[in-house]
Amino acid sequence: MAYAIIRSGGKQFRVEEGATVRVPSLDKQAGETVELEALVIGGGEDGVKVGSPAVEGARVTGTVVDHGRGGKIIVFKKKRRKQYKRTQGHRQNYTTVKIDSIG
């Protein structure tokens, strides 16, 4: 198969073999293998396979490369004429996964 759409951490990602993808933080160590849930697999001779909610027998395996934190996002709240302002920063944790096989 040429590509797959996977679900991880409530988000969906389009992946291909050999690609690296940043998914929300996983509880695995660097170097460990992880199996991800495939929602759509496509690009083969049979066309596109769509699952509800996932394709049966589809496996997307990858290797955890590293963990990190994304860039800072500023959360700013304000109510006009009330002297109310709040500023808060946020950095999302992520895990980088290298896709080994789609099948």
N, C-alpha and C. Protein backbone atom coordinates (compact mmCIF):
# COMPACT_ATOMS: atom_id res chain seq x y z
N MET A 1 0.83 -1.18 0.00
CA MET A 1 0.00 0.00 0.00
C MET A 1 0.88 1.25 0.00
N ALA A 2 0.41 2.27 -0.66
CA ALA A 2 1.21 3.48 -0.81
C ALA A 2 1.09 4.40 0.40
N TYR A 3 -0.10 4.51 0.98
CA TYR A 3 -0.27 5.40 2.11
C TYR A 3 -1.37 4.88 3.02
N ALA A 4 -1.44 5.44 4.22
CA ALA A 4 -2.49 5.10 5.17
C ALA A 4 -2.82 6.34 5.98
N ILE A 5 -4.05 6.40 6.47
CA ILE A 5 -4.45 7.46 7.39
C ILE A 5 -4.62 6.80 8.75
N ILE A 6 -3.85 7.27 9.72
CA ILE A 6 -3.85 6.65 11.05
C ILE A 6 -4.48 7.60 12.06
N ARG A 7 -4.86 7.03 13.20
CA ARG A 7 -5.40 7.82 14.30
C ARG A 7 -4.49 7.64 15.50
N SER A 8 -4.11 8.75 16.11
CA SER A 8 -3.28 8.72 17.31
C SER A 8 -3.57 9.96 18.13
N GLY A 9 -3.94 9.78 19.37
CA GLY A 9 -4.18 10.92 20.25
C GLY A 9 -5.37 11.76 19.84
N GLY A 10 -6.38 11.16 19.20
CA GLY A 10 -7.55 11.90 18.79
C GLY A 10 -7.36 12.70 17.51
N LYS A 11 -6.21 12.54 16.85
CA LYS A 11 -5.94 13.26 15.60
C LYS A 11 -5.66 12.24 14.51
N GLN A 12 -5.78 12.68 13.26
CA GLN A 12 -5.55 11.79 12.12
C GLN A 12 -4.36 12.31 11.31
N PHE A 13 -3.55 11.36 10.83
CA PHE A 13 -2.34 11.70 10.07
C PHE A 13 -2.26 10.82 8.83
N ARG A 14 -1.81 11.41 7.72
CA ARG A 14 -1.56 10.65 6.49
C ARG A 14 -0.09 10.26 6.50
N VAL A 15 0.21 8.95 6.41
CA VAL A 15 1.59 8.48 6.49
C VAL A 15 1.92 7.58 5.31
N GLU A 16 3.21 7.50 5.01
CA GLU A 16 3.74 6.61 3.99
C GLU A 16 4.90 5.85 4.61
N GLU A 17 5.30 4.74 3.98
CA GLU A 17 6.44 3.97 4.48
C GLU A 17 7.70 4.80 4.40
N GLY A 18 8.50 4.77 5.47
CA GLY A 18 9.75 5.51 5.51
C GLY A 18 9.61 6.95 5.98
N ALA A 19 8.39 7.45 6.12
CA ALA A 19 8.18 8.83 6.54
C ALA A 19 8.24 8.93 8.07
N THR A 20 8.52 10.14 8.56
CA THR A 20 8.46 10.40 9.99
C THR A 20 7.28 11.33 10.25
N VAL A 21 6.61 11.10 11.38
CA VAL A 21 5.43 11.89 11.72
C VAL A 21 5.48 12.20 13.21
N ARG A 22 5.04 13.41 13.57
CA ARG A 22 4.96 13.82 14.98
C ARG A 22 3.54 13.60 15.45
N VAL A 23 3.36 12.66 16.37
CA VAL A 23 2.04 12.37 16.93
C VAL A 23 2.02 12.85 18.37
N PRO A 24 0.83 13.07 18.95
CA PRO A 24 0.78 13.42 20.37
C PRO A 24 1.49 12.37 21.21
N SER A 25 2.02 12.79 22.32
CA SER A 25 2.92 12.00 23.15
C SER A 25 2.43 10.57 23.41
N LEU A 26 3.31 9.59 23.16
CA LEU A 26 3.04 8.18 23.42
C LEU A 26 3.89 7.73 24.59
N ASP A 27 3.41 6.72 25.30
CA ASP A 27 4.11 6.20 26.47
C ASP A 27 5.04 5.06 26.06
N LYS A 28 6.00 5.35 25.20
CA LYS A 28 6.99 4.38 24.73
C LYS A 28 8.37 5.01 24.80
N GLN A 29 9.39 4.17 24.92
CA GLN A 29 10.77 4.66 24.94
C GLN A 29 11.29 4.74 23.51
N ALA A 30 12.33 5.54 23.29
CA ALA A 30 12.95 5.66 21.97
C ALA A 30 13.51 4.30 21.56
N GLY A 31 13.24 3.89 20.33
CA GLY A 31 13.70 2.60 19.83
C GLY A 31 12.65 1.51 19.89
N GLU A 32 11.59 1.71 20.67
CA GLU A 32 10.52 0.71 20.76
C GLU A 32 9.62 0.77 19.53
N THR A 33 8.96 -0.37 19.26
CA THR A 33 8.02 -0.42 18.13
C THR A 33 6.62 -0.08 18.64
N VAL A 34 5.86 0.58 17.78
CA VAL A 34 4.50 0.98 18.12
C VAL A 34 3.60 0.59 16.95
N GLU A 35 2.39 0.12 17.27
CA GLU A 35 1.42 -0.22 16.24
C GLU A 35 0.29 0.80 16.31
N LEU A 36 -0.03 1.41 15.16
CA LEU A 36 -1.03 2.47 15.10
C LEU A 36 -2.27 1.98 14.37
N GLU A 37 -3.41 2.57 14.72
CA GLU A 37 -4.69 2.17 14.15
C GLU A 37 -4.89 2.81 12.78
N ALA A 38 -5.15 1.98 11.76
CA ALA A 38 -5.32 2.47 10.39
C ALA A 38 -6.80 2.67 10.08
N LEU A 39 -7.18 3.88 9.70
CA LEU A 39 -8.57 4.19 9.35
C LEU A 39 -8.82 3.97 7.87
N VAL A 40 -7.88 4.41 7.03
CA VAL A 40 -8.01 4.29 5.58
C VAL A 40 -6.66 3.81 5.05
N ILE A 41 -6.69 2.84 4.16
CA ILE A 41 -5.48 2.41 3.49
C ILE A 41 -5.73 2.52 2.00
N GLY A 42 -4.81 3.08 1.25
CA GLY A 42 -5.06 3.26 -0.17
C GLY A 42 -3.82 3.16 -1.01
N GLY A 43 -4.03 3.24 -2.32
CA GLY A 43 -2.92 3.28 -3.25
C GLY A 43 -2.53 1.94 -3.84
N GLY A 44 -3.19 0.85 -3.47
CA GLY A 44 -2.86 -0.46 -4.02
C GLY A 44 -3.63 -0.73 -5.30
N GLU A 45 -3.48 -1.96 -5.83
CA GLU A 45 -4.22 -2.34 -7.03
C GLU A 45 -5.71 -2.45 -6.74
N ASP A 46 -6.07 -2.75 -5.48
CA ASP A 46 -7.49 -2.90 -5.14
C ASP A 46 -8.18 -1.56 -4.94
N GLY A 47 -7.46 -0.46 -4.97
CA GLY A 47 -8.06 0.85 -4.73
C GLY A 47 -7.93 1.24 -3.27
N VAL A 48 -8.86 2.03 -2.81
CA VAL A 48 -8.82 2.55 -1.44
C VAL A 48 -9.72 1.69 -0.56
N LYS A 49 -9.19 1.31 0.61
CA LYS A 49 -9.98 0.55 1.59
C LYS A 49 -10.33 1.49 2.73
N VAL A 50 -11.61 1.59 3.04
CA VAL A 50 -12.09 2.46 4.11
C VAL A 50 -12.71 1.59 5.18
N GLY A 51 -12.35 1.83 6.43
CA GLY A 51 -12.91 1.06 7.54
C GLY A 51 -13.89 1.88 8.32
N SER A 52 -14.71 1.19 9.09
CA SER A 52 -15.61 1.90 9.99
C SER A 52 -15.61 1.17 11.32
N PRO A 53 -14.93 1.60 12.34
CA PRO A 53 -14.07 2.79 12.38
C PRO A 53 -12.66 2.54 11.87
N ALA A 54 -12.21 1.28 11.75
CA ALA A 54 -10.85 1.01 11.28
C ALA A 54 -10.89 -0.15 10.29
N VAL A 55 -9.86 -0.24 9.46
CA VAL A 55 -9.77 -1.32 8.49
C VAL A 55 -9.35 -2.59 9.23
N GLU A 56 -10.10 -3.68 9.03
CA GLU A 56 -9.80 -4.94 9.71
C GLU A 56 -8.53 -5.55 9.15
N GLY A 57 -7.64 -5.99 10.02
CA GLY A 57 -6.40 -6.63 9.60
C GLY A 57 -5.33 -5.68 9.12
N ALA A 58 -5.59 -4.39 9.11
CA ALA A 58 -4.60 -3.42 8.66
C ALA A 58 -3.64 -3.11 9.80
N ARG A 59 -2.34 -3.11 9.48
CA ARG A 59 -1.34 -2.82 10.49
C ARG A 59 -0.40 -1.74 9.99
N VAL A 60 -0.21 -0.74 10.79
CA VAL A 60 0.79 0.30 10.53
C VAL A 60 1.75 0.25 11.70
N THR A 61 2.99 -0.14 11.44
CA THR A 61 3.97 -0.23 12.51
C THR A 61 5.05 0.81 12.31
N GLY A 62 5.55 1.30 13.41
CA GLY A 62 6.59 2.32 13.37
C GLY A 62 7.54 2.18 14.55
N THR A 63 8.62 2.92 14.49
CA THR A 63 9.61 2.93 15.56
C THR A 63 9.67 4.33 16.15
N VAL A 64 9.66 4.40 17.48
CA VAL A 64 9.74 5.69 18.17
C VAL A 64 11.16 6.22 18.02
N VAL A 65 11.28 7.43 17.48
CA VAL A 65 12.58 8.05 17.27
C VAL A 65 12.97 8.87 18.50
N ASP A 66 12.12 9.82 18.90
CA ASP A 66 12.40 10.63 20.07
C ASP A 66 11.14 11.31 20.56
N HIS A 67 11.29 12.03 21.66
CA HIS A 67 10.19 12.81 22.25
C HIS A 67 10.62 14.27 22.28
N GLY A 68 9.64 15.16 22.30
CA GLY A 68 9.98 16.58 22.34
C GLY A 68 8.77 17.42 22.71
N ARG A 69 8.96 18.73 22.62
CA ARG A 69 7.89 19.68 22.90
C ARG A 69 7.80 20.66 21.75
N GLY A 70 6.59 20.98 21.34
CA GLY A 70 6.36 21.90 20.24
C GLY A 70 6.64 23.33 20.63
N GLY A 71 6.41 24.23 19.69
CA GLY A 71 6.63 25.64 19.93
C GLY A 71 5.61 26.22 20.89
N LYS A 72 5.94 27.36 21.48
CA LYS A 72 5.06 27.97 22.45
C LYS A 72 3.87 28.65 21.79
N ILE A 73 2.71 28.43 22.37
CA ILE A 73 1.48 29.08 21.93
C ILE A 73 1.02 29.98 23.07
N ILE A 74 0.69 31.23 22.77
CA ILE A 74 0.24 32.18 23.78
C ILE A 74 -1.29 32.14 23.84
N VAL A 75 -1.81 31.91 25.04
CA VAL A 75 -3.25 31.94 25.27
C VAL A 75 -3.55 33.24 26.01
N PHE A 76 -4.30 34.14 25.38
CA PHE A 76 -4.56 35.46 25.96
C PHE A 76 -6.06 35.66 26.07
N LYS A 77 -6.51 35.99 27.28
CA LYS A 77 -7.93 36.26 27.53
C LYS A 77 -8.09 37.70 27.98
N LYS A 78 -9.15 38.35 27.52
CA LYS A 78 -9.38 39.73 27.91
C LYS A 78 -10.87 40.02 27.86
N LYS A 79 -11.34 40.80 28.84
CA LYS A 79 -12.71 41.32 28.83
C LYS A 79 -12.61 42.83 28.82
N ARG A 80 -13.17 43.43 27.83
CA ARG A 80 -13.01 44.87 27.69
C ARG A 80 -13.73 45.64 28.79
N ARG A 81 -13.12 46.73 29.17
CA ARG A 81 -13.64 47.66 30.18
C ARG A 81 -13.78 47.04 31.57
N LYS A 82 -13.21 45.90 31.84
CA LYS A 82 -13.34 45.25 33.15
C LYS A 82 -11.99 45.05 33.84
N GLN A 83 -10.90 45.55 33.24
CA GLN A 83 -9.56 45.41 33.80
C GLN A 83 -9.18 43.94 33.99
N TYR A 84 -9.63 43.08 33.06
CA TYR A 84 -9.35 41.64 33.16
C TYR A 84 -8.47 41.21 31.98
N LYS A 85 -7.26 40.72 32.28
CA LYS A 85 -6.36 40.17 31.27
C LYS A 85 -5.65 38.97 31.89
N ARG A 86 -5.53 37.90 31.12
CA ARG A 86 -4.78 36.71 31.56
C ARG A 86 -3.94 36.23 30.39
N THR A 87 -2.67 36.00 30.63
CA THR A 87 -1.78 35.47 29.61
C THR A 87 -1.21 34.16 30.12
N GLN A 88 -1.26 33.15 29.24
CA GLN A 88 -0.76 31.83 29.62
C GLN A 88 -0.07 31.23 28.40
N GLY A 89 1.03 30.53 28.62
CA GLY A 89 1.74 29.86 27.53
C GLY A 89 1.46 28.37 27.56
N HIS A 90 1.63 27.72 26.40
CA HIS A 90 1.40 26.27 26.31
C HIS A 90 2.36 25.67 25.29
N ARG A 91 2.95 24.52 25.64
CA ARG A 91 3.79 23.76 24.71
C ARG A 91 3.30 22.32 24.72
N GLN A 92 2.91 21.81 23.55
CA GLN A 92 2.37 20.46 23.44
C GLN A 92 3.51 19.44 23.34
N ASN A 93 3.40 18.34 24.08
CA ASN A 93 4.37 17.25 23.98
C ASN A 93 4.08 16.42 22.73
N TYR A 94 5.13 15.90 22.10
CA TYR A 94 4.95 15.06 20.92
C TYR A 94 5.95 13.93 20.92
N THR A 95 5.67 12.92 20.09
CA THR A 95 6.56 11.80 19.88
C THR A 95 6.81 11.68 18.38
N THR A 96 8.05 11.58 17.96
CA THR A 96 8.38 11.40 16.55
C THR A 96 8.44 9.91 16.27
N VAL A 97 7.67 9.47 15.26
CA VAL A 97 7.59 8.05 14.90
C VAL A 97 8.00 7.90 13.44
N LYS A 98 8.90 6.93 13.16
CA LYS A 98 9.29 6.61 11.79
C LYS A 98 8.46 5.40 11.37
N ILE A 99 7.71 5.53 10.27
CA ILE A 99 6.81 4.47 9.80
C ILE A 99 7.64 3.40 9.10
N ASP A 100 7.57 2.14 9.60
CA ASP A 100 8.32 1.03 9.04
C ASP A 100 7.55 0.30 7.97
N SER A 101 6.27 -0.05 8.26
CA SER A 101 5.52 -0.83 7.29
C SER A 101 4.03 -0.52 7.37
N ILE A 102 3.39 -0.64 6.22
CA ILE A 102 1.94 -0.50 6.12
C ILE A 102 1.43 -1.76 5.44
N GLY A 103 0.51 -2.46 6.09
CA GLY A 103 0.03 -3.69 5.47
C GLY A 103 -1.28 -4.15 6.02
